[in-house]
Amino acid sequence: MTHEKRAPWSGPGGTTFHFVNDGIESAFDQAREAAGDRDVRIAGGGTTILEYVNDGLIDEFSIALSPVLFGSGIRLFEGVDASRVALEQVRAESSPSVTHVTYAVRER
């Protein structure tokens, strides 16, 4: 997803990235169609995760946490609709430089 129109970009190994700027539902539908019966992965920041979680479009997500303080940002779970959504931690892997945490998204 992006805020501006961009042409597809092909990377090494044959992966092509398509940029969608007409909403998360459109991006999700296009990704599902392209994936067929395979999993769809969505990459993005906190705002992207919140939009997809609150719209019920994802069943699991991962966060990479790094001990670097930039002085600003968003509170990732502050915008989750807790009356509809519960998060269940399913995995955590850590190292000195990063911790990867995976959550399942459940309906309440």
PDB file of N, CA and C in Angstrom:
ATOM      1  N   MET A   1       0.850  -1.170   0.000  1.00  0.00           N
ATOM      2  CA  MET A   1       0.000   0.000   0.000  1.00  0.00           C
ATOM      3  C   MET A   1       0.890   1.226   0.000  1.00  0.00           C
ATOM      4  N   THR A   2       0.398   2.227  -0.674  1.00  0.00           N
ATOM      5  CA  THR A   2       1.124   3.484  -0.739  1.00  0.00           C
ATOM      6  C   THR A   2       0.120   4.618  -0.911  1.00  0.00           C
ATOM      7  N   HIS A   3       0.574   5.815  -0.699  1.00  0.00           N
ATOM      8  CA  HIS A   3      -0.296   6.974  -0.891  1.00  0.00           C
ATOM      9  C   HIS A   3      -0.196   7.540  -2.299  1.00  0.00           C
ATOM     10  N   GLU A   4       0.754   7.055  -3.079  1.00  0.00           N
ATOM     11  CA  GLU A   4       0.944   7.576  -4.432  1.00  0.00           C
ATOM     12  C   GLU A   4       0.985   6.433  -5.434  1.00  0.00           C
ATOM     13  N   LYS A   5       0.637   6.743  -6.670  1.00  0.00           N
ATOM     14  CA  LYS A   5       0.668   5.724  -7.713  1.00  0.00           C
ATOM     15  C   LYS A   5       2.111   5.429  -8.088  1.00  0.00           C
ATOM     16  N   ARG A   6       2.415   4.127  -8.200  1.00  0.00           N
ATOM     17  CA  ARG A   6       3.755   3.694  -8.591  1.00  0.00           C
ATOM     18  C   ARG A   6       3.623   2.496  -9.500  1.00  0.00           C
ATOM     19  N   ALA A   7       4.543   2.372 -10.416  1.00  0.00           N
ATOM     20  CA  ALA A   7       4.589   1.210 -11.298  1.00  0.00           C
ATOM     21  C   ALA A   7       5.118   0.015 -10.504  1.00  0.00           C
ATOM     22  N   PRO A   8       4.773  -1.220 -10.910  1.00  0.00           N
ATOM     23  CA  PRO A   8       5.325  -2.397 -10.237  1.00  0.00           C
ATOM     24  C   PRO A   8       6.853  -2.388 -10.297  1.00  0.00           C
ATOM     25  N   TRP A   9       7.464  -2.998  -9.281  1.00  0.00           N
ATOM     26  CA  TRP A   9       8.918  -3.087  -9.221  1.00  0.00           C
ATOM     27  C   TRP A   9       9.311  -4.548  -9.117  1.00  0.00           C
ATOM     28  N   SER A  10      10.194  -5.004  -9.991  1.00  0.00           N
ATOM     29  CA  SER A  10      10.677  -6.386  -9.970  1.00  0.00           C
ATOM     30  C   SER A  10      12.043  -6.433  -9.325  1.00  0.00           C
ATOM     31  N   GLY A  11      12.173  -7.296  -8.348  1.00  0.00           N
ATOM     32  CA  GLY A  11      13.431  -7.437  -7.637  1.00  0.00           C
ATOM     33  C   GLY A  11      14.187  -8.675  -8.083  1.00  0.00           C
ATOM     34  N   PRO A  12      15.364  -8.868  -7.514  1.00  0.00           N
ATOM     35  CA  PRO A  12      16.151 -10.056  -7.842  1.00  0.00           C
ATOM     36  C   PRO A  12      15.395 -11.328  -7.470  1.00  0.00           C
ATOM     37  N   GLY A  13      15.537 -12.347  -8.244  1.00  0.00           N
ATOM     38  CA  GLY A  13      14.873 -13.615  -7.956  1.00  0.00           C
ATOM     39  C   GLY A  13      13.468 -13.714  -8.510  1.00  0.00           C
ATOM     40  N   GLY A  14      13.006 -12.691  -9.213  1.00  0.00           N
ATOM     41  CA  GLY A  14      11.712 -12.765  -9.861  1.00  0.00           C
ATOM     42  C   GLY A  14      10.531 -12.270  -9.049  1.00  0.00           C
ATOM     43  N   THR A  15      10.753 -11.729  -7.868  1.00  0.00           N
ATOM     44  CA  THR A  15       9.655 -11.198  -7.068  1.00  0.00           C
ATOM     45  C   THR A  15       9.252  -9.829  -7.608  1.00  0.00           C
ATOM     46  N   THR A  16       7.955  -9.650  -7.826  1.00  0.00           N
ATOM     47  CA  THR A  16       7.444  -8.369  -8.285  1.00  0.00           C
ATOM     48  C   THR A  16       6.560  -7.770  -7.203  1.00  0.00           C
ATOM     49  N   PHE A  17       6.823  -6.503  -6.871  1.00  0.00           N
ATOM     50  CA  PHE A  17       6.031  -5.781  -5.892  1.00  0.00           C
ATOM     51  C   PHE A  17       5.058  -4.878  -6.633  1.00  0.00           C
ATOM     52  N   HIS A  18       3.776  -5.003  -6.264  1.00  0.00           N
ATOM     53  CA  HIS A  18       2.732  -4.162  -6.852  1.00  0.00           C
ATOM     54  C   HIS A  18       2.292  -3.169  -5.783  1.00  0.00           C
ATOM     55  N   PHE A  19       2.202  -1.915  -6.142  1.00  0.00           N
ATOM     56  CA  PHE A  19       1.852  -0.856  -5.206  1.00  0.00           C
ATOM     57  C   PHE A  19       0.388  -0.488  -5.399  1.00  0.00           C
ATOM     58  N   VAL A  20      -0.373  -0.539  -4.312  1.00  0.00           N
ATOM     59  CA  VAL A  20      -1.812  -0.296  -4.352  1.00  0.00           C
ATOM     60  C   VAL A  20      -2.096   0.955  -3.533  1.00  0.00           C
ATOM     61  N   ASN A  21      -2.897   1.864  -4.091  1.00  0.00           N
ATOM     62  CA  ASN A  21      -3.196   3.101  -3.372  1.00  0.00           C
ATOM     63  C   ASN A  21      -4.697   3.370  -3.235  1.00  0.00           C
ATOM     64  N   ASP A  22      -5.518   2.329  -3.380  1.00  0.00           N
ATOM     65  CA  ASP A  22      -6.960   2.547  -3.265  1.00  0.00           C
ATOM     66  C   ASP A  22      -7.576   1.795  -2.085  1.00  0.00           C
ATOM     67  N   GLY A  23      -6.823   1.669  -0.994  1.00  0.00           N
ATOM     68  CA  GLY A  23      -7.380   1.131   0.238  1.00  0.00           C
ATOM     69  C   GLY A  23      -6.907  -0.265   0.587  1.00  0.00           C
ATOM     70  N   ILE A  24      -7.064  -0.587   1.890  1.00  0.00           N
ATOM     71  CA  ILE A  24      -6.573  -1.874   2.368  1.00  0.00           C
ATOM     72  C   ILE A  24      -7.378  -3.048   1.835  1.00  0.00           C
ATOM     73  N   GLU A  25      -8.670  -2.857   1.639  1.00  0.00           N
ATOM     74  CA  GLU A  25      -9.482  -3.960   1.117  1.00  0.00           C
ATOM     75  C   GLU A  25      -9.054  -4.320  -0.295  1.00  0.00           C
ATOM     76  N   SER A  26      -8.801  -3.326  -1.122  1.00  0.00           N
ATOM     77  CA  SER A  26      -8.344  -3.571  -2.481  1.00  0.00           C
ATOM     78  C   SER A  26      -6.991  -4.276  -2.484  1.00  0.00           C
ATOM     79  N   ALA A  27      -6.079  -3.804  -1.642  1.00  0.00           N
ATOM     80  CA  ALA A  27      -4.758  -4.427  -1.559  1.00  0.00           C
ATOM     81  C   ALA A  27      -4.882  -5.882  -1.115  1.00  0.00           C
ATOM     82  N   PHE A  28      -5.732  -6.120  -0.121  1.00  0.00           N
ATOM     83  CA  PHE A  28      -5.918  -7.472   0.396  1.00  0.00           C
ATOM     84  C   PHE A  28      -6.545  -8.380  -0.656  1.00  0.00           C
ATOM     85  N   ASP A  29      -7.574  -7.908  -1.351  1.00  0.00           N
ATOM     86  CA  ASP A  29      -8.223  -8.711  -2.398  1.00  0.00           C
ATOM     87  C   ASP A  29      -7.245  -9.061  -3.510  1.00  0.00           C
ATOM     88  N   GLN A  30      -6.439  -8.096  -3.932  1.00  0.00           N
ATOM     89  CA  GLN A  30      -5.458  -8.357  -4.985  1.00  0.00           C
ATOM     90  C   GLN A  30      -4.404  -9.369  -4.536  1.00  0.00           C
ATOM     91  N   ALA A  31      -3.984  -9.261  -3.279  1.00  0.00           N
ATOM     92  CA  ALA A  31      -2.990 -10.200  -2.745  1.00  0.00           C
ATOM     93  C   ALA A  31      -3.565 -11.601  -2.648  1.00  0.00           C
ATOM     94  N   ARG A  32      -4.801 -11.723  -2.197  1.00  0.00           N
ATOM     95  CA  ARG A  32      -5.433 -13.053  -2.104  1.00  0.00           C
ATOM     96  C   ARG A  32      -5.588 -13.687  -3.476  1.00  0.00           C
ATOM     97  N   GLU A  33      -5.988 -12.884  -4.451  1.00  0.00           N
ATOM     98  CA  GLU A  33      -6.135 -13.410  -5.806  1.00  0.00           C
ATOM     99  C   GLU A  33      -4.791 -13.897  -6.347  1.00  0.00           C
ATOM    100  N   ALA A  34      -3.745 -13.126  -6.130  1.00  0.00           N
ATOM    101  CA  ALA A  34      -2.416 -13.498  -6.616  1.00  0.00           C
ATOM    102  C   ALA A  34      -1.868 -14.722  -5.887  1.00  0.00           C
ATOM    103  N   ALA A  35      -2.207 -14.873  -4.598  1.00  0.00           N
ATOM    104  CA  ALA A  35      -1.667 -15.967  -3.789  1.00  0.00           C
ATOM    105  C   ALA A  35      -2.352 -17.301  -4.051  1.00  0.00           C
ATOM    106  N   GLY A  36      -3.577 -17.267  -4.529  1.00  0.00           N
ATOM    107  CA  GLY A  36      -4.296 -18.528  -4.710  1.00  0.00           C
ATOM    108  C   GLY A  36      -4.541 -19.180  -3.366  1.00  0.00           C
ATOM    109  N   ASP A  37      -4.058 -20.410  -3.178  1.00  0.00           N
ATOM    110  CA  ASP A  37      -4.272 -21.112  -1.909  1.00  0.00           C
ATOM    111  C   ASP A  37      -3.107 -20.933  -0.935  1.00  0.00           C
ATOM    112  N   ARG A  38      -2.167 -20.071  -1.261  1.00  0.00           N
ATOM    113  CA  ARG A  38      -1.027 -19.812  -0.372  1.00  0.00           C
ATOM    114  C   ARG A  38      -1.354 -18.673   0.595  1.00  0.00           C
ATOM    115  N   ASP A  39      -0.503 -18.527   1.631  1.00  0.00           N
ATOM    116  CA  ASP A  39      -0.674 -17.456   2.603  1.00  0.00           C
ATOM    117  C   ASP A  39      -0.408 -16.101   1.976  1.00  0.00           C
ATOM    118  N   VAL A  40      -1.050 -15.086   2.519  1.00  0.00           N
ATOM    119  CA  VAL A  40      -0.806 -13.690   2.125  1.00  0.00           C
ATOM    120  C   VAL A  40      -0.043 -13.036   3.263  1.00  0.00           C
ATOM    121  N   ARG A  41       1.030 -12.339   2.937  1.00  0.00           N
ATOM    122  CA  ARG A  41       1.807 -11.596   3.930  1.00  0.00           C
ATOM    123  C   ARG A  41       1.684 -10.114   3.644  1.00  0.00           C
ATOM    124  N   ILE A  42       1.433  -9.363   4.678  1.00  0.00           N
ATOM    125  CA  ILE A  42       1.303  -7.914   4.573  1.00  0.00           C
ATOM    126  C   ILE A  42       2.446  -7.303   5.372  1.00  0.00           C
ATOM    127  N   ALA A  43       3.222  -6.445   4.747  1.00  0.00           N
ATOM    128  CA  ALA A  43       4.319  -5.772   5.438  1.00  0.00           C
ATOM    129  C   ALA A  43       3.945  -4.310   5.626  1.00  0.00           C
ATOM    130  N   GLY A  44       4.258  -3.791   6.776  1.00  0.00           N
ATOM    131  CA  GLY A  44       3.951  -2.392   7.023  1.00  0.00           C
ATOM    132  C   GLY A  44       4.211  -2.017   8.460  1.00  0.00           C
ATOM    133  N   GLY A  45       3.889  -0.818   8.789  1.00  0.00           N
ATOM    134  CA  GLY A  45       4.084  -0.311  10.137  1.00  0.00           C
ATOM    135  C   GLY A  45       2.856  -0.473  10.999  1.00  0.00           C
ATOM    136  N   GLY A  46       2.890   0.173  12.150  1.00  0.00           N
ATOM    137  CA  GLY A  46       1.813   0.054  13.125  1.00  0.00           C
ATOM    138  C   GLY A  46       0.453   0.450  12.605  1.00  0.00           C
ATOM    139  N   THR A  47       0.388   1.511  11.829  1.00  0.00           N
ATOM    140  CA  THR A  47      -0.901   1.963  11.293  1.00  0.00           C
ATOM    141  C   THR A  47      -1.503   0.917  10.373  1.00  0.00           C
ATOM    142  N   THR A  48      -0.671   0.308   9.556  1.00  0.00           N
ATOM    143  CA  THR A  48      -1.153  -0.735   8.643  1.00  0.00           C
ATOM    144  C   THR A  48      -1.690  -1.926   9.418  1.00  0.00           C
ATOM    145  N   ILE A  49      -0.951  -2.362  10.433  1.00  0.00           N
ATOM    146  CA  ILE A  49      -1.401  -3.494  11.249  1.00  0.00           C
ATOM    147  C   ILE A  49      -2.754  -3.181  11.879  1.00  0.00           C
ATOM    148  N   LEU A  50      -2.884  -1.992  12.475  1.00  0.00           N
ATOM    149  CA  LEU A  50      -4.144  -1.616  13.120  1.00  0.00           C
ATOM    150  C   LEU A  50      -5.318  -1.653  12.153  1.00  0.00           C
ATOM    151  N   GLU A  51      -5.124  -1.118  10.962  1.00  0.00           N
ATOM    152  CA  GLU A  51      -6.216  -1.113   9.981  1.00  0.00           C
ATOM    153  C   GLU A  51      -6.659  -2.525   9.646  1.00  0.00           C
ATOM    154  N   TYR A  52      -5.719  -3.418   9.380  1.00  0.00           N
ATOM    155  CA  TYR A  52      -6.069  -4.784   9.007  1.00  0.00           C
ATOM    156  C   TYR A  52      -6.660  -5.564  10.180  1.00  0.00           C
ATOM    157  N   VAL A  53      -6.121  -5.389  11.384  1.00  0.00           N
ATOM    158  CA  VAL A  53      -6.673  -6.077  12.564  1.00  0.00           C
ATOM    159  C   VAL A  53      -8.102  -5.632  12.809  1.00  0.00           C
ATOM    160  N   ASN A  54      -8.340  -4.329  12.837  1.00  0.00           N
ATOM    161  CA  ASN A  54      -9.681  -3.818  13.135  1.00  0.00           C
ATOM    162  C   ASN A  54     -10.697  -4.140  12.048  1.00  0.00           C
ATOM    163  N   ASP A  55     -10.252  -4.333  10.818  1.00  0.00           N
ATOM    164  CA  ASP A  55     -11.175  -4.713   9.743  1.00  0.00           C
ATOM    165  C   ASP A  55     -11.355  -6.225   9.640  1.00  0.00           C
ATOM    166  N   GLY A  56     -10.696  -6.984  10.523  1.00  0.00           N
ATOM    167  CA  GLY A  56     -10.860  -8.440  10.548  1.00  0.00           C
ATOM    168  C   GLY A  56     -10.242  -9.139   9.351  1.00  0.00           C
ATOM    169  N   LEU A  57      -9.218  -8.552   8.752  1.00  0.00           N
ATOM    170  CA  LEU A  57      -8.649  -9.108   7.531  1.00  0.00           C
ATOM    171  C   LEU A  57      -7.412  -9.971   7.746  1.00  0.00           C
ATOM    172  N   ILE A  58      -6.887 -10.017   8.969  1.00  0.00           N
ATOM    173  CA  ILE A  58      -5.729 -10.879   9.202  1.00  0.00           C
ATOM    174  C   ILE A  58      -5.980 -11.779  10.395  1.00  0.00           C
ATOM    175  N   ASP A  59      -5.341 -12.934  10.380  1.00  0.00           N
ATOM    176  CA  ASP A  59      -5.506 -13.873  11.474  1.00  0.00           C
ATOM    177  C   ASP A  59      -4.239 -14.009  12.314  1.00  0.00           C
ATOM    178  N   GLU A  60      -3.120 -13.454  11.830  1.00  0.00           N
ATOM    179  CA  GLU A  60      -1.872 -13.533  12.572  1.00  0.00           C
ATOM    180  C   GLU A  60      -0.940 -12.431  12.084  1.00  0.00           C
ATOM    181  N   PHE A  61      -0.148 -11.846  13.012  1.00  0.00           N
ATOM    182  CA  PHE A  61       0.847 -10.867  12.594  1.00  0.00           C
ATOM    183  C   PHE A  61       2.069 -10.947  13.487  1.00  0.00           C
ATOM    184  N   SER A  62       3.191 -10.494  12.941  1.00  0.00           N
ATOM    185  CA  SER A  62       4.457 -10.490  13.669  1.00  0.00           C
ATOM    186  C   SER A  62       4.980  -9.072  13.782  1.00  0.00           C
ATOM    187  N   ILE A  63       5.645  -8.819  14.887  1.00  0.00           N
ATOM    188  CA  ILE A  63       6.256  -7.520  15.141  1.00  0.00           C
ATOM    189  C   ILE A  63       7.733  -7.751  15.415  1.00  0.00           C
ATOM    190  N   ALA A  64       8.579  -6.935  14.822  1.00  0.00           N
ATOM    191  CA  ALA A  64      10.008  -6.953  15.132  1.00  0.00           C
ATOM    192  C   ALA A  64      10.294  -5.758  16.025  1.00  0.00           C
ATOM    193  N   LEU A  65      10.702  -6.021  17.261  1.00  0.00           N
ATOM    194  CA  LEU A  65      10.989  -4.964  18.230  1.00  0.00           C
ATOM    195  C   LEU A  65      12.499  -4.837  18.387  1.00  0.00           C
ATOM    196  N   SER A  66      12.981  -3.623  18.257  1.00  0.00           N
ATOM    197  CA  SER A  66      14.407  -3.365  18.387  1.00  0.00           C
ATOM    198  C   SER A  66      14.617  -2.291  19.444  1.00  0.00           C
ATOM    199  N   PRO A  67      15.628  -2.434  20.296  1.00  0.00           N
ATOM    200  CA  PRO A  67      15.823  -1.468  21.377  1.00  0.00           C
ATOM    201  C   PRO A  67      16.459  -0.156  20.902  1.00  0.00           C
ATOM    202  N   VAL A  68      15.779   0.475  19.953  1.00  0.00           N
ATOM    203  CA  VAL A  68      16.229   1.767  19.442  1.00  0.00           C
ATOM    204  C   VAL A  68      15.105   2.762  19.715  1.00  0.00           C
ATOM    205  N   LEU A  69      15.407   3.847  20.393  1.00  0.00           N
ATOM    206  CA  LEU A  69      14.402   4.841  20.733  1.00  0.00           C
ATOM    207  C   LEU A  69      14.532   6.030  19.794  1.00  0.00           C
ATOM    208  N   PHE A  70      13.491   6.293  19.036  1.00  0.00           N
ATOM    209  CA  PHE A  70      13.490   7.401  18.096  1.00  0.00           C
ATOM    210  C   PHE A  70      12.840   8.650  18.678  1.00  0.00           C
ATOM    211  N   GLY A  71      12.169   8.520  19.789  1.00  0.00           N
ATOM    212  CA  GLY A  71      11.547   9.681  20.413  1.00  0.00           C
ATOM    213  C   GLY A  71      10.103   9.908  20.022  1.00  0.00           C
ATOM    214  N   SER A  72       9.596   9.140  19.065  1.00  0.00           N
ATOM    215  CA  SER A  72       8.197   9.292  18.684  1.00  0.00           C
ATOM    216  C   SER A  72       7.719   7.996  18.046  1.00  0.00           C
ATOM    217  N   GLY A  73       6.455   7.962  17.716  1.00  0.00           N
ATOM    218  CA  GLY A  73       5.872   6.784  17.100  1.00  0.00           C
ATOM    219  C   GLY A  73       4.437   6.632  17.542  1.00  0.00           C
ATOM    220  N   ILE A  74       3.843   5.496  17.189  1.00  0.00           N
ATOM    221  CA  ILE A  74       2.470   5.235  17.611  1.00  0.00           C
ATOM    222  C   ILE A  74       2.461   4.090  18.601  1.00  0.00           C
ATOM    223  N   ARG A  75       1.479   4.071  19.462  1.00  0.00           N
ATOM    224  CA  ARG A  75       1.286   2.956  20.386  1.00  0.00           C
ATOM    225  C   ARG A  75       0.512   1.899  19.623  1.00  0.00           C
ATOM    226  N   LEU A  76       1.170   0.824  19.325  1.00  0.00           N
ATOM    227  CA  LEU A  76       0.629  -0.165  18.408  1.00  0.00           C
ATOM    228  C   LEU A  76      -0.754  -0.673  18.798  1.00  0.00           C
ATOM    229  N   PHE A  77      -0.980  -1.029  20.044  1.00  0.00           N
ATOM    230  CA  PHE A  77      -2.244  -1.640  20.422  1.00  0.00           C
ATOM    231  C   PHE A  77      -3.289  -0.626  20.876  1.00  0.00           C
ATOM    232  N   GLU A  78      -2.939   0.636  20.935  1.00  0.00           N
ATOM    233  CA  GLU A  78      -3.865   1.662  21.402  1.00  0.00           C
ATOM    234  C   GLU A  78      -5.102   1.759  20.511  1.00  0.00           C
ATOM    235  N   GLY A  79      -4.976   1.485  19.238  1.00  0.00           N
ATOM    236  CA  GLY A  79      -6.103   1.608  18.325  1.00  0.00           C
ATOM    237  C   GLY A  79      -6.857   0.320  18.063  1.00  0.00           C
ATOM    238  N   VAL A  80      -6.479  -0.788  18.723  1.00  0.00           N
ATOM    239  CA  VAL A  80      -7.177  -2.054  18.508  1.00  0.00           C
ATOM    240  C   VAL A  80      -8.548  -1.994  19.171  1.00  0.00           C
ATOM    241  N   ASP A  81      -9.577  -2.422  18.462  1.00  0.00           N
ATOM    242  CA  ASP A  81     -10.932  -2.460  19.004  1.00  0.00           C
ATOM    243  C   ASP A  81     -11.059  -3.677  19.919  1.00  0.00           C
ATOM    244  N   ALA A  82     -10.733  -3.489  21.200  1.00  0.00           N
ATOM    245  CA  ALA A  82     -10.698  -4.590  22.159  1.00  0.00           C
ATOM    246  C   ALA A  82     -12.070  -5.200  22.427  1.00  0.00           C
ATOM    247  N   SER A  83     -13.138  -4.536  22.023  1.00  0.00           N
ATOM    248  CA  SER A  83     -14.461  -5.130  22.201  1.00  0.00           C
ATOM    249  C   SER A  83     -14.722  -6.209  21.146  1.00  0.00           C
ATOM    250  N   ARG A  84     -13.966  -6.192  20.065  1.00  0.00           N
ATOM    251  CA  ARG A  84     -14.143  -7.157  18.971  1.00  0.00           C
ATOM    252  C   ARG A  84     -12.971  -8.108  18.804  1.00  0.00           C
ATOM    253  N   VAL A  85     -11.777  -7.673  19.251  1.00  0.00           N
ATOM    254  CA  VAL A  85     -10.549  -8.400  18.920  1.00  0.00           C
ATOM    255  C   VAL A  85      -9.771  -8.761  20.176  1.00  0.00           C
ATOM    256  N   ALA A  86      -9.244  -9.975  20.209  1.00  0.00           N
ATOM    257  CA  ALA A  86      -8.311 -10.401  21.253  1.00  0.00           C
ATOM    258  C   ALA A  86      -7.029 -10.858  20.566  1.00  0.00           C
ATOM    259  N   LEU A  87      -5.900 -10.556  21.190  1.00  0.00           N
ATOM    260  CA  LEU A  87      -4.610 -10.967  20.645  1.00  0.00           C
ATOM    261  C   LEU A  87      -4.022 -12.048  21.529  1.00  0.00           C
ATOM    262  N   GLU A  88      -3.549 -13.122  20.907  1.00  0.00           N
ATOM    263  CA  GLU A  88      -2.955 -14.233  21.639  1.00  0.00           C
ATOM    264  C   GLU A  88      -1.526 -14.420  21.144  1.00  0.00           C
ATOM    265  N   GLN A  89      -0.552 -14.303  22.043  1.00  0.00           N
ATOM    266  CA  GLN A  89       0.835 -14.499  21.627  1.00  0.00           C
ATOM    267  C   GLN A  89       1.054 -15.964  21.316  1.00  0.00           C
ATOM    268  N   VAL A  90       1.601 -16.250  20.140  1.00  0.00           N
ATOM    269  CA  VAL A  90       1.834 -17.634  19.740  1.00  0.00           C
ATOM    270  C   VAL A  90       3.317 -17.967  19.606  1.00  0.00           C
ATOM    271  N   ARG A  91       4.160 -16.925  19.537  1.00  0.00           N
ATOM    272  CA  ARG A  91       5.576 -17.183  19.344  1.00  0.00           C
ATOM    273  C   ARG A  91       6.378 -15.945  19.737  1.00  0.00           C
ATOM    274  N   ALA A  92       7.593 -16.164  20.269  1.00  0.00           N
ATOM    275  CA  ALA A  92       8.525 -15.072  20.547  1.00  0.00           C
ATOM    276  C   ALA A  92       9.940 -15.608  20.369  1.00  0.00           C
ATOM    277  N   GLU A  93      10.718 -14.884  19.606  1.00  0.00           N
ATOM    278  CA  GLU A  93      12.115 -15.251  19.376  1.00  0.00           C
ATOM    279  C   GLU A  93      12.959 -14.004  19.604  1.00  0.00           C
ATOM    280  N   SER A  94      13.999 -14.130  20.438  1.00  0.00           N
ATOM    281  CA  SER A  94      14.771 -12.934  20.752  1.00  0.00           C
ATOM    282  C   SER A  94      16.260 -13.131  20.503  1.00  0.00           C
ATOM    283  N   SER A  95      16.925 -12.006  20.327  1.00  0.00           N
ATOM    284  CA  SER A  95      18.377 -11.930  20.215  1.00  0.00           C
ATOM    285  C   SER A  95      18.776 -10.616  20.872  1.00  0.00           C
ATOM    286  N   PRO A  96      20.058 -10.324  20.996  1.00  0.00           N
ATOM    287  CA  PRO A  96      20.450  -9.048  21.605  1.00  0.00           C
ATOM    288  C   PRO A  96      19.981  -7.814  20.823  1.00  0.00           C
ATOM    289  N   SER A  97      19.705  -7.954  19.524  1.00  0.00           N
ATOM    290  CA  SER A  97      19.360  -6.768  18.737  1.00  0.00           C
ATOM    291  C   SER A  97      17.896  -6.670  18.339  1.00  0.00           C
ATOM    292  N   VAL A  98      17.134  -7.766  18.435  1.00  0.00           N
ATOM    293  CA  VAL A  98      15.731  -7.715  18.017  1.00  0.00           C
ATOM    294  C   VAL A  98      14.947  -8.851  18.672  1.00  0.00           C
ATOM    295  N   THR A  99      13.669  -8.584  18.915  1.00  0.00           N
ATOM    296  CA  THR A  99      12.750  -9.624  19.380  1.00  0.00           C
ATOM    297  C   THR A  99      11.585  -9.687  18.396  1.00  0.00           C
ATOM    298  N   HIS A 100      11.301 -10.879  17.904  1.00  0.00           N
ATOM    299  CA  HIS A 100      10.175 -11.091  16.986  1.00  0.00           C
ATOM    300  C   HIS A 100       9.052 -11.733  17.783  1.00  0.00           C
ATOM    301  N   VAL A 101       7.882 -11.083  17.785  1.00  0.00           N
ATOM    302  CA  VAL A 101       6.720 -11.588  18.514  1.00  0.00           C
ATOM    303  C   VAL A 101       5.585 -11.787  17.514  1.00  0.00           C
ATOM    304  N   THR A 102       4.944 -12.948  17.577  1.00  0.00           N
ATOM    305  CA  THR A 102       3.835 -13.258  16.683  1.00  0.00           C
ATOM    306  C   THR A 102       2.565 -13.434  17.502  1.00  0.00           C
ATOM    307  N   TYR A 103       1.498 -12.790  17.022  1.00  0.00           N
ATOM    308  CA  TYR A 103       0.200 -12.838  17.682  1.00  0.00           C
ATOM    309  C   TYR A 103      -0.844 -13.423  16.743  1.00  0.00           C
ATOM    310  N   ALA A 104      -1.732 -14.246  17.275  1.00  0.00           N
ATOM    311  CA  ALA A 104      -2.935 -14.668  16.562  1.00  0.00           C
ATOM    312  C   ALA A 104      -4.026 -13.661  16.899  1.00  0.00           C
ATOM    313  N   VAL A 105      -4.845 -13.350  15.925  1.00  0.00           N
ATOM    314  CA  VAL A 105      -5.956 -12.414  16.104  1.00  0.00           C
ATOM    315  C   VAL A 105      -7.219 -13.250  16.249  1.00  0.00           C
ATOM    316  N   ARG A 106      -7.901 -13.090  17.382  1.00  0.00           N
ATOM    317  CA  ARG A 106      -9.123 -13.837  17.664  1.00  0.00           C
ATOM    318  C   ARG A 106     -10.291 -12.880  17.798  1.00  0.00           C
ATOM    319  N   GLU A 107     -11.479 -13.347  17.417  1.00  0.00           N
ATOM    320  CA  GLU A 107     -12.696 -12.556  17.645  1.00  0.00           C
ATOM    321  C   GLU A 107     -13.154 -12.754  19.071  1.00  0.00           C
ATOM    322  N   ARG A 108     -13.691 -11.699  19.669  1.00  0.00           N
ATOM    323  CA  ARG A 108     -14.271 -11.806  21.019  1.00  0.00           C
ATOM    324  C   ARG A 108     -15.714 -12.208  20.910  1.00  0.00           C
TER     325      ARG A 108
END
